[in-house]
């Protein structure tokens, strides 16, 4: 028996599995463990083998009353573990659970954690799980790939369409309904599922129904599990990331597309930029369908770059994902750690501090705060980023007045160069005007790039209104007078 540092014995809990159903399915070793124990406590009396033991005269307590005291299983399980530990402090306890103690039995895993922490000793007496009779009832070979999930914590993305799926703990119509709705996110309503109750016992009930009827199955109890066969229709995998990766690998593979095969990181640069602007356009137009498609095109670019990296032996998409996850967790200590952030500005400040620490750790401390501003950004966006970087160390106007004065100064200088200077000098002064305008917009928390993009779109709409109106009257735009077009422009303004 294990002891603590003071050599006092630790509480001992023997976990034993009552088997999948009937007493005849209980291993002899488990029966002997129950027979020899002074204190036997079952997680629940609602199990055929445990009820048979009671009929034979075994004194078996249960935690059924705890289930009635809480709304959530997490609370129930925590209370059971605490109660077991208290009882074991007075003497060894045999804890009897359905099936096998280490298959779909959360309380046993929680006891194991307490044992790993040195708080008690856990001994396993074994047991038979429901899985073997479940495989027989469903007629499947788990070696083909099988997933076992708890129906009470089942969610949309934590299972694979290409492997056998067994859901345990489908004990009532409410759980069955939740499972059905989750499965319907990825499977058709006609997909056949098999509901198995009391697998391997004389009371076994096996019923195969369309998924849409899962919560209306004939019999559901604490001995019910559901088998979901793999999806044969390949199009059902179109929502899976793994399928996307297969598609990109095929496109770049030996029998793939000649265009995709010849692409490089450099050749794809222009497409990434184009797709980015199309995403921005979809956002501005508030077109969700277009946004879905354009975000897909961005994802395509990411996957192509990742596949090129894998083909060349430098990196794969898993490296991209790992780096992103690690960075997001590291840079959000207020979410994933013990840090705190009261508002978005505090988050930005902390983000910059963490980035500086990362660079210092890599010996990548730059001589300039502006070095990490990408040189390929659009000019207005780059101007704003440069100004923001400088502002973080105090190089910024604290009020609007001096910025307005600077704008008037730059406008005057530009006008002078337009009237008497060279085109090159006038262009430089125009750049100064735009840079100050960007600074002024930033002071008022406006985005220059978005503002100009919006105006460009507005101009496009209004000019196209003029074109359509002229064509409708039998004229081409080049045949219309400025006065006529200006009148149509004013009409377009009324349209928006």
Protein backbone atom coordinates (compact mmCIF):
# COMPACT_ATOMS: atom_id res chain seq x y z
CA UNK A 1 0.00 0.00 0.00
CA UNK A 2 1.28 3.47 -0.86
CA UNK A 3 2.07 5.89 1.96
CA UNK A 4 2.69 9.60 2.21
CA UNK A 5 5.81 11.30 3.58
CA UNK A 6 4.68 10.74 7.17
CA UNK A 7 4.22 7.01 6.50
CA UNK A 8 0.48 7.18 7.25
CA UNK A 9 -1.53 4.96 4.87
CA UNK A 10 -3.40 6.63 2.07
CA UNK A 11 -7.14 6.02 1.57
CA UNK A 12 -7.65 3.02 -0.72
CA UNK A 13 -10.38 2.82 -3.37
CA UNK A 14 -10.77 -0.29 -5.52
CA UNK A 15 -12.58 0.50 -8.76
CA UNK A 16 -14.50 -2.41 -10.23
CA UNK A 17 -16.53 -2.75 -13.41
CA UNK A 18 -19.97 -4.39 -13.21
CA UNK A 19 -19.84 -5.31 -16.88
CA UNK A 20 -22.07 -4.30 -19.78
CA UNK A 21 -25.32 -5.68 -18.39
CA UNK A 22 -26.22 -8.95 -16.73
CA UNK A 23 -24.47 -10.50 -13.73
CA UNK A 24 -23.28 -13.42 -15.92
CA UNK A 25 -21.15 -10.93 -17.86
CA UNK A 26 -19.35 -9.75 -14.73
CA UNK A 27 -15.78 -11.14 -14.52
CA UNK A 28 -15.22 -13.54 -11.63
CA UNK A 29 -12.41 -11.37 -10.29
CA UNK A 30 -14.77 -8.40 -9.98
CA UNK A 31 -17.38 -10.58 -8.28
CA UNK A 32 -14.76 -11.71 -5.75
CA UNK A 33 -13.64 -8.13 -5.13
CA UNK A 34 -17.21 -7.08 -4.38
CA UNK A 35 -17.76 -10.18 -2.27
CA UNK A 36 -14.69 -9.52 -0.11
CA UNK A 37 -15.15 -5.76 0.33
CA UNK A 38 -16.60 -4.40 3.54
CA UNK A 39 -17.89 -1.24 1.88
CA UNK A 40 -19.28 -1.32 -1.67
CA UNK A 41 -20.67 1.83 -3.26
CA UNK A 42 -22.07 1.87 -6.78
CA UNK A 43 -22.18 4.98 -8.90
CA UNK A 44 -25.77 4.00 -9.65
CA UNK A 45 -28.12 1.16 -8.77
CA UNK A 46 -29.61 1.45 -12.26
CA UNK A 47 -27.67 -1.46 -13.74
CA UNK A 48 -28.87 -5.10 -14.14
CA UNK A 49 -25.75 -6.73 -12.65
CA UNK A 50 -25.76 -4.45 -9.62
CA UNK A 51 -29.46 -5.09 -9.06
CA UNK A 52 -28.77 -8.84 -9.25
CA UNK A 53 -26.05 -8.50 -6.61
CA UNK A 54 -28.53 -6.75 -4.36
CA UNK A 55 -31.03 -9.58 -4.89
CA UNK A 56 -28.29 -12.00 -3.80
CA UNK A 57 -27.99 -10.10 -0.55
CA UNK A 58 -25.03 -7.84 -1.20
CA UNK A 59 -25.21 -4.53 0.67
CA UNK A 60 -24.44 -1.97 -2.00
CA UNK A 61 -24.87 1.74 -1.46
CA UNK A 62 -25.17 4.16 -4.40
CA UNK A 63 -24.77 7.78 -5.38
CA UNK A 64 -28.12 8.01 -7.14
CA UNK A 65 -29.24 10.69 -4.71
CA UNK A 66 -26.41 12.98 -5.85
CA UNK A 67 -27.76 13.00 -9.40
CA UNK A 68 -30.94 14.57 -8.09
CA UNK A 69 -29.04 17.39 -6.36
CA UNK A 70 -27.28 18.98 -9.34
CA UNK A 71 -28.11 20.16 -12.84
CA UNK A 72 -24.76 19.31 -14.45
CA UNK A 73 -22.83 16.06 -14.56
CA UNK A 74 -19.55 17.83 -13.78
CA UNK A 75 -20.98 18.77 -10.39
CA UNK A 76 -22.32 15.26 -9.83
CA UNK A 77 -18.98 13.64 -10.64
CA UNK A 78 -17.03 16.03 -8.44
CA UNK A 79 -19.35 15.35 -5.51
CA UNK A 80 -19.04 11.58 -6.01
CA UNK A 81 -15.24 11.76 -5.97
CA UNK A 82 -15.24 13.88 -2.82
CA UNK A 83 -17.69 11.51 -1.13
CA UNK A 84 -15.58 8.47 -2.06
CA UNK A 85 -12.45 10.08 -0.70
CA UNK A 86 -14.20 10.87 2.58
CA UNK A 87 -15.52 7.31 2.95
CA UNK A 88 -12.14 5.79 2.05
CA UNK A 89 -10.52 7.79 4.85
CA UNK A 90 -12.40 5.50 7.26
CA UNK A 91 -11.44 2.30 5.47
CA UNK A 92 -11.05 0.72 2.00
CA UNK A 93 -13.94 1.20 -0.41
CA UNK A 94 -14.95 -0.84 -3.45
CA UNK A 95 -16.38 1.55 -6.04
CA UNK A 96 -18.61 -0.32 -8.50
CA UNK A 97 -19.33 1.25 -11.89
CA UNK A 98 -21.11 0.05 -15.06
CA UNK A 99 -18.95 -1.57 -17.74
CA UNK A 100 -15.18 -1.27 -17.35
CA UNK A 101 -13.91 1.34 -14.87
CA UNK A 102 -11.59 2.93 -17.43
CA UNK A 103 -14.04 3.07 -20.34
CA UNK A 104 -16.34 6.11 -20.46
CA UNK A 105 -16.22 6.53 -16.67
CA UNK A 106 -15.36 10.10 -15.76
CA UNK A 107 -15.39 9.61 -11.99
CA UNK A 108 -12.66 6.97 -12.22
CA UNK A 109 -10.46 9.28 -14.27
CA UNK A 110 -10.97 11.97 -11.63
CA UNK A 111 -10.01 9.48 -8.90
CA UNK A 112 -6.89 8.59 -10.89
CA UNK A 113 -5.89 12.26 -10.96
CA UNK A 114 -6.27 12.41 -7.18
CA UNK A 115 -4.12 9.28 -6.91
CA UNK A 116 -1.47 10.81 -9.19
CA UNK A 117 -1.43 13.83 -6.86
CA UNK A 118 -0.68 11.53 -3.92
CA UNK A 119 -4.03 11.97 -2.17
CA UNK A 120 -5.18 8.34 -2.29
CA UNK A 121 -4.50 4.90 -3.75
CA UNK A 122 -6.61 3.56 -6.62
CA UNK A 123 -6.62 -0.17 -7.39
CA UNK A 124 -8.33 -1.54 -10.51
CA UNK A 125 -10.26 -4.80 -10.24
CA UNK A 126 -11.03 -4.75 -13.98
CA UNK A 127 -14.33 -5.41 -15.67
CA UNK A 128 -15.84 -5.89 -19.11
CA UNK A 129 -16.82 -2.83 -21.11
CA UNK A 130 -19.84 -2.56 -23.37
CA UNK A 131 -17.57 -2.25 -26.41
CA UNK A 132 -17.14 -5.93 -27.31
CA UNK A 133 -20.88 -6.66 -27.40
CA UNK A 134 -21.39 -3.29 -29.09
CA UNK A 135 -18.99 -4.26 -31.90
CA UNK A 136 -20.93 -7.53 -32.27
CA UNK A 137 -24.34 -5.81 -32.29
CA UNK A 138 -23.22 -3.25 -34.87
CA UNK A 139 -21.30 -5.84 -36.91
CA UNK A 140 -18.10 -3.80 -37.20
CA UNK A 141 -14.36 -4.34 -36.90
CA UNK A 142 -12.85 -1.53 -34.78
CA UNK A 143 -9.51 -2.14 -36.47
CA UNK A 144 -10.95 -0.29 -39.49
CA UNK A 145 -10.91 2.86 -37.36
CA UNK A 146 -13.31 3.50 -34.51
CA UNK A 147 -14.16 6.51 -32.36
CA UNK A 148 -15.78 6.35 -28.92
CA UNK A 149 -17.43 9.59 -27.80
CA UNK A 150 -19.48 10.62 -24.78
CA UNK A 151 -22.88 11.77 -26.04
CA UNK A 152 -23.19 14.30 -23.21
CA UNK A 153 -20.11 16.20 -24.44
CA UNK A 154 -20.36 15.49 -28.16
CA UNK A 155 -19.88 18.41 -30.52
CA UNK A 156 -19.71 19.02 -34.25
CA UNK A 157 -15.98 18.93 -35.00
CA UNK A 158 -14.62 16.31 -32.59
CA UNK A 159 -15.27 13.29 -34.80
CA UNK A 160 -14.36 11.95 -38.22
CA UNK A 161 -16.82 11.08 -40.97
CA UNK A 162 -14.54 8.35 -42.30
CA UNK A 163 -14.44 6.08 -39.23
CA UNK A 164 -16.94 4.10 -37.17
CA UNK A 165 -18.45 6.24 -34.40
CA UNK A 166 -19.91 4.92 -31.14
CA UNK A 167 -21.68 7.30 -28.81
CA UNK A 168 -22.10 6.19 -25.22
CA UNK A 169 -24.42 7.60 -22.55
CA UNK A 170 -27.38 8.16 -24.86
CA UNK A 171 -29.66 7.51 -21.92
CA UNK A 172 -32.74 9.60 -22.78
CA UNK A 173 -34.50 11.42 -25.60
CA UNK A 174 -33.00 14.78 -24.66
CA UNK A 175 -29.44 13.52 -25.12
CA UNK A 176 -30.52 11.68 -28.27
CA UNK A 177 -32.00 14.90 -29.64
CA UNK A 178 -28.79 16.84 -28.97
CA UNK A 179 -26.77 14.10 -30.65
CA UNK A 180 -29.12 14.07 -33.62
CA UNK A 181 -28.85 17.83 -34.15
CA UNK A 182 -25.06 17.69 -33.90
CA UNK A 183 -24.82 14.84 -36.40
CA UNK A 184 -27.21 16.61 -38.77
CA UNK A 185 -24.66 19.41 -39.09
CA UNK A 186 -22.58 16.99 -41.18
CA UNK A 187 -24.79 14.08 -42.17
CA UNK A 188 -28.06 13.84 -44.12
CA UNK A 189 -31.26 13.12 -42.21
CA UNK A 190 -31.56 9.76 -44.01
CA UNK A 191 -28.18 8.49 -42.78
CA UNK A 192 -28.79 5.19 -40.98
CA UNK A 193 -27.71 4.87 -37.33
CA UNK A 194 -28.00 1.87 -35.03
CA UNK A 195 -29.37 2.21 -31.50
CA UNK A 196 -28.20 -0.58 -29.18
CA UNK A 197 -29.55 -1.03 -25.66
CA UNK A 198 -28.19 -3.60 -23.17
CA UNK A 199 -25.65 -4.91 -25.68
CA UNK A 200 -24.76 -8.57 -25.19
CA UNK A 201 -27.53 -9.32 -22.69
CA UNK A 202 -30.76 -11.27 -22.98
CA UNK A 203 -32.50 -7.89 -22.99
CA UNK A 204 -30.48 -6.57 -25.94
CA UNK A 205 -32.42 -4.37 -28.35
CA UNK A 206 -30.88 -3.37 -31.69
CA UNK A 207 -32.71 -0.94 -33.95
CA UNK A 208 -31.47 0.78 -37.10
CA UNK A 209 -33.25 4.03 -37.92
CA UNK A 210 -32.72 7.12 -40.09
CA UNK A 211 -30.78 9.78 -38.22
CA UNK A 212 -33.82 12.05 -38.15
CA UNK A 213 -35.62 9.48 -35.98
CA UNK A 214 -32.82 8.95 -33.47
CA UNK A 215 -34.59 10.71 -30.59
CA UNK A 216 -37.75 8.70 -31.31
CA UNK A 217 -36.04 5.29 -30.97
CA UNK A 218 -38.08 2.55 -29.30
CA UNK A 219 -35.89 2.16 -26.22
CA UNK A 220 -33.38 4.45 -24.55
CA UNK A 221 -31.80 3.88 -21.15
CA UNK A 222 -28.52 4.18 -19.27
CA UNK A 223 -27.41 1.06 -21.22
CA UNK A 224 -28.00 2.66 -24.63
CA UNK A 225 -25.28 3.47 -27.14
CA UNK A 226 -25.54 4.64 -30.74
CA UNK A 227 -23.46 3.44 -33.67
CA UNK A 228 -22.94 5.84 -36.59
CA UNK A 229 -21.36 4.22 -39.68
CA UNK A 230 -18.84 6.10 -41.85
CA UNK A 231 -20.24 8.35 -44.55
CA UNK A 232 -19.95 6.82 -48.01
CA UNK A 233 -20.78 10.04 -49.88
CA UNK A 234 -17.46 11.83 -50.45
CA UNK A 235 -19.16 15.21 -50.84
CA UNK A 236 -20.08 15.09 -47.15
CA UNK A 237 -16.39 15.58 -46.41
CA UNK A 238 -16.28 18.88 -48.29
CA UNK A 239 -16.58 20.71 -44.94
CA UNK A 240 -13.55 18.89 -43.47
CA UNK A 241 -10.11 20.45 -43.33
CA UNK A 242 -8.56 17.05 -44.06
CA UNK A 243 -10.46 16.90 -47.35
CA UNK A 244 -9.19 20.35 -48.32
CA UNK A 245 -5.65 19.24 -47.69
CA UNK A 246 -6.17 16.14 -49.83
CA UNK A 247 -7.48 18.31 -52.68
CA UNK A 248 -4.46 20.64 -52.56
CA UNK A 249 -2.06 17.69 -52.37
CA UNK A 250 -3.74 16.18 -55.43
CA UNK A 251 -3.57 19.45 -57.37
CA UNK A 252 0.15 19.73 -56.64
CA UNK A 253 0.79 16.00 -57.06
CA UNK A 254 2.20 14.08 -60.05
CA UNK A 255 -1.21 13.68 -61.70
CA UNK A 256 -2.44 17.10 -60.67
CA UNK A 257 -2.98 20.44 -62.38
CA UNK A 258 -0.07 21.83 -64.47
CA UNK A 259 -0.82 25.38 -63.29
CA UNK A 260 -0.82 24.44 -59.59
CA UNK A 261 2.28 22.29 -60.02
CA UNK A 262 4.42 25.14 -61.36
CA UNK A 263 3.46 27.75 -58.75
CA UNK A 264 6.04 29.11 -56.30
CA UNK A 265 5.81 31.37 -53.26
CA UNK A 266 6.86 34.28 -55.48
CA UNK A 267 4.45 33.53 -58.34
CA UNK A 268 1.49 33.39 -55.94
CA UNK A 269 2.15 36.82 -54.38
CA UNK A 270 -0.09 38.73 -56.80
CA UNK A 271 -3.01 36.34 -56.25
CA UNK A 272 -2.83 36.66 -52.47
CA UNK A 273 -3.01 40.43 -52.85
CA UNK A 274 -5.90 40.27 -55.31
CA UNK A 275 -7.88 37.87 -53.13
CA UNK A 276 -7.31 40.09 -50.09
CA UNK A 277 -8.87 43.06 -51.85
CA UNK A 278 -11.81 40.92 -52.96
CA UNK A 279 -12.39 39.95 -49.32
CA UNK A 280 -12.39 43.63 -48.37
CA UNK A 281 -14.90 44.36 -51.13
CA UNK A 282 -17.22 41.59 -49.90
CA UNK A 283 -17.02 43.02 -46.37
CA UNK A 284 -17.81 46.52 -47.60
CA UNK A 285 -20.77 45.23 -49.59
CA UNK A 286 -21.98 43.23 -46.54
CA UNK A 287 -22.38 40.22 -48.85
CA UNK A 288 -22.03 37.10 -46.68
CA UNK A 289 -22.15 34.68 -49.63
CA UNK A 290 -19.39 36.58 -51.39
CA UNK A 291 -17.40 36.76 -48.16
CA UNK A 292 -17.61 32.97 -47.75
CA UNK A 293 -16.28 32.49 -51.27
CA UNK A 294 -13.53 35.09 -51.01
CA UNK A 295 -12.33 33.83 -47.62
CA UNK A 296 -12.14 30.42 -49.27
CA UNK A 297 -9.89 31.91 -51.95
CA UNK A 298 -7.64 33.34 -49.22
CA UNK A 299 -7.54 29.92 -47.56
CA UNK A 300 -6.62 28.41 -50.93
CA UNK A 301 -3.59 30.70 -51.08
CA UNK A 302 -2.55 29.69 -47.57
CA UNK A 303 -2.90 26.00 -48.40
CA UNK A 304 -0.95 26.35 -51.66
CA UNK A 305 1.92 28.10 -49.88
CA UNK A 306 1.89 25.43 -47.17
CA UNK A 307 1.89 22.64 -49.76
CA UNK A 308 4.79 24.25 -51.61
CA UNK A 309 6.66 24.38 -48.30
CA UNK A 310 5.91 20.68 -47.74
CA UNK A 311 6.88 19.72 -51.30
CA UNK A 312 10.21 21.51 -50.87
CA UNK A 313 10.78 19.88 -47.48
CA UNK A 314 10.82 23.08 -45.41
CA UNK A 315 7.46 23.19 -43.61
CA UNK A 316 3.89 21.88 -43.73
CA UNK A 317 0.49 23.29 -42.88
CA UNK A 318 0.77 21.74 -39.38
CA UNK A 319 3.76 24.02 -38.76
CA UNK A 320 1.66 27.02 -39.78
CA UNK A 321 -1.17 25.99 -37.47
CA UNK A 322 1.15 25.16 -34.57
CA UNK A 323 2.95 28.50 -34.86
CA UNK A 324 -0.34 30.38 -34.98
CA UNK A 325 -1.84 28.55 -31.98
CA UNK A 326 1.31 29.00 -29.94
CA UNK A 327 1.49 32.70 -30.79
CA UNK A 328 -2.18 33.38 -30.06
CA UNK A 329 -1.98 31.70 -26.66
CA UNK A 330 1.30 33.39 -25.79
CA UNK A 331 0.09 36.84 -26.81
CA UNK A 332 -3.23 36.54 -24.96
CA UNK A 333 -2.23 35.89 -21.35
CA UNK A 334 -5.40 37.72 -20.27
CA UNK A 335 -7.40 34.90 -21.89
CA UNK A 336 -5.21 31.79 -21.60
CA UNK A 337 -3.12 32.74 -18.58
CA UNK A 338 -3.22 34.81 -15.44
CA UNK A 339 -2.93 38.22 -17.08
CA UNK A 340 -5.65 40.85 -17.20
CA UNK A 341 -6.77 43.44 -19.73
CA UNK A 342 -9.49 45.99 -19.06
CA UNK A 343 -10.04 47.17 -22.63
CA UNK A 344 -8.78 46.87 -26.20
CA UNK A 345 -6.09 49.55 -25.72
CA UNK A 346 -4.56 47.57 -22.86
CA UNK A 347 -4.58 44.49 -25.06
CA UNK A 348 -2.64 46.34 -27.79
CA UNK A 349 -0.10 47.63 -25.26
CA UNK A 350 0.42 44.14 -23.84
CA UNK A 351 0.64 42.69 -27.36
CA UNK A 352 3.44 45.08 -28.30
CA UNK A 353 5.31 44.33 -25.07
CA UNK A 354 5.08 40.58 -25.71
CA UNK A 355 6.28 41.03 -29.30
CA UNK A 356 9.28 42.99 -28.00
CA UNK A 357 10.08 40.19 -25.56
CA UNK A 358 9.86 37.64 -28.37
CA UNK A 359 12.30 39.59 -30.50
CA UNK A 360 14.68 40.02 -27.59
CA UNK A 361 14.60 36.26 -26.92
CA UNK A 362 15.50 35.64 -30.58
CA UNK A 363 18.15 38.39 -30.60
CA UNK A 364 16.06 40.14 -33.25
CA UNK A 365 15.77 43.53 -31.55
CA UNK A 366 15.49 46.01 -34.41
CA UNK A 367 17.35 49.30 -34.59
CA UNK A 368 14.11 50.94 -35.69
CA UNK A 369 10.55 50.76 -34.43
CA UNK A 370 9.43 51.05 -38.05
CA UNK A 371 11.38 48.09 -39.38
CA UNK A 372 8.51 45.62 -39.11
CA UNK A 373 6.05 47.76 -41.09
CA UNK A 374 5.68 45.83 -44.38
CA UNK A 375 6.97 47.82 -47.34
CA UNK A 376 4.35 46.25 -49.61
CA UNK A 377 1.36 47.80 -47.82
CA UNK A 378 -0.84 50.22 -49.79
CA UNK A 379 0.53 53.74 -49.32
CA UNK A 380 -2.24 55.13 -47.12
CA UNK A 381 -2.29 52.04 -44.92
CA UNK A 382 1.48 52.13 -44.62
CA UNK A 383 1.38 55.81 -43.64
CA UNK A 384 -1.07 55.03 -40.85
CA UNK A 385 1.04 52.13 -39.57
CA UNK A 386 4.20 54.26 -39.55
CA UNK A 387 2.41 57.00 -37.62
CA UNK A 388 0.98 54.56 -35.10
CA UNK A 389 4.40 53.03 -34.45
CA UNK A 390 5.96 56.44 -33.88
CA UNK A 391 3.03 57.54 -31.69
CA UNK A 392 3.63 54.65 -29.28
CA UNK A 393 6.89 56.26 -28.17
CA UNK A 394 5.38 59.75 -27.94
CA UNK A 395 6.22 61.08 -31.40
CA UNK A 396 2.72 62.38 -32.05
CA UNK A 397 0.53 65.43 -31.71
CA UNK A 398 -1.62 65.31 -28.65
CA UNK A 399 -4.36 67.52 -30.10
CA UNK A 400 -5.90 68.31 -33.46
CA UNK A 401 -4.96 72.02 -33.74
CA UNK A 402 -1.29 71.58 -34.74
CA UNK A 403 -2.25 68.92 -37.29
CA UNK A 404 -4.70 71.29 -39.00
CA UNK A 405 -1.98 73.96 -39.06
CA UNK A 406 0.44 71.47 -40.58
CA UNK A 407 -2.13 70.56 -43.24
CA UNK A 408 -2.54 74.23 -44.22
CA UNK A 409 1.25 74.58 -44.40
CA UNK A 410 1.62 71.52 -46.64
CA UNK A 411 -1.26 72.62 -48.87
CA UNK A 412 0.44 76.01 -49.37
CA UNK A 413 3.78 74.38 -50.21
CA UNK A 414 2.09 72.03 -52.66
CA UNK A 415 0.33 74.95 -54.35
CA UNK A 416 3.63 76.80 -54.73
CA UNK A 417 5.29 73.79 -56.35
CA UNK A 418 2.33 73.28 -58.67
CA UNK A 419 2.63 76.87 -59.90
CA UNK A 420 6.37 77.25 -60.18
CA UNK A 421 8.15 74.00 -59.35
CA UNK A 422 8.84 70.75 -61.16
CA UNK A 423 6.46 67.81 -61.37
CA UNK A 424 8.76 65.78 -59.12
CA UNK A 425 8.76 68.46 -56.37
CA UNK A 426 5.00 68.90 -56.66
CA UNK A 427 4.57 65.13 -56.28
CA UNK A 428 6.64 65.16 -53.10
CA UNK A 429 4.55 67.95 -51.64
CA UNK A 430 1.36 66.09 -52.56
CA UNK A 431 2.75 63.13 -50.61
CA UNK A 432 3.26 65.41 -47.59
CA UNK A 433 -0.36 66.59 -47.85
CA UNK A 434 -1.66 63.02 -47.97
CA UNK A 435 0.57 62.01 -45.06
CA UNK A 436 -0.80 64.82 -42.89
CA UNK A 437 -4.37 64.03 -43.94
CA UNK A 438 -3.76 60.45 -42.85
CA UNK A 439 -2.43 61.70 -39.51
CA UNK A 440 -5.47 63.91 -39.04
CA UNK A 441 -7.81 61.00 -39.84
CA UNK A 442 -5.96 58.82 -37.34
CA UNK A 443 -6.39 61.48 -34.63
CA UNK A 444 -10.15 61.33 -35.19
CA UNK A 445 -9.99 57.49 -35.22
CA UNK A 446 -10.83 57.27 -38.92
CA UNK A 447 -9.17 54.86 -41.33
CA UNK A 448 -7.82 56.65 -44.40
CA UNK A 449 -7.61 53.51 -46.54
CA UNK A 450 -11.21 52.55 -45.80
CA UNK A 451 -12.42 56.11 -46.29
CA UNK A 452 -10.82 56.42 -49.73
CA UNK A 453 -12.02 52.94 -50.71
CA UNK A 454 -15.56 53.95 -49.76
CA UNK A 455 -15.30 57.11 -51.87
CA UNK A 456 -13.94 55.11 -54.82
CA UNK A 457 -16.93 52.77 -54.57
CA UNK A 458 -19.31 55.71 -54.31
CA UNK A 459 -17.77 57.36 -57.36
CA UNK A 460 -18.07 54.10 -59.29
CA UNK A 461 -21.76 53.73 -58.44
CA UNK A 462 -22.58 57.31 -59.42
CA UNK A 463 -20.61 57.29 -62.64
CA UNK A 464 -22.18 54.00 -63.67
CA UNK A 465 -25.59 55.63 -63.00
CA UNK A 466 -24.61 58.35 -65.49
CA UNK A 467 -23.54 55.76 -68.07
CA UNK A 468 -26.74 53.75 -67.74
CA UNK A 469 -28.91 56.84 -67.94
CA UNK A 470 -27.14 58.04 -71.09
CA UNK A 471 -27.31 54.62 -72.74
CA UNK A 472 -31.03 54.45 -71.92
CA UNK A 473 -31.52 57.78 -73.76
CA UNK A 474 -29.56 56.53 -76.79
CA UNK A 475 -26.33 58.39 -75.99
CA UNK A 476 -22.79 57.32 -75.21
CA UNK A 477 -20.97 59.13 -72.36
CA UNK A 478 -18.45 60.63 -74.76
CA UNK A 479 -21.32 62.29 -76.67
CA UNK A 480 -22.81 64.00 -73.60
CA UNK A 481 -21.93 67.47 -72.35
CA UNK A 482 -20.40 68.11 -68.94
CA UNK A 483 -23.56 69.94 -67.89
CA UNK A 484 -25.71 66.94 -68.84
CA UNK A 485 -23.47 64.52 -66.98
CA UNK A 486 -23.32 66.84 -63.97
CA UNK A 487 -27.11 66.87 -63.80
CA UNK A 488 -27.18 63.07 -63.87
CA UNK A 489 -24.49 63.05 -61.17
CA UNK A 490 -26.77 65.07 -58.90
CA UNK A 491 -29.53 62.55 -59.61
CA UNK A 492 -27.15 59.71 -58.67
CA UNK A 493 -26.37 61.49 -55.39
CA UNK A 494 -30.04 61.29 -54.52
CA UNK A 495 -29.89 57.52 -55.09
CA UNK A 496 -27.03 57.15 -52.59
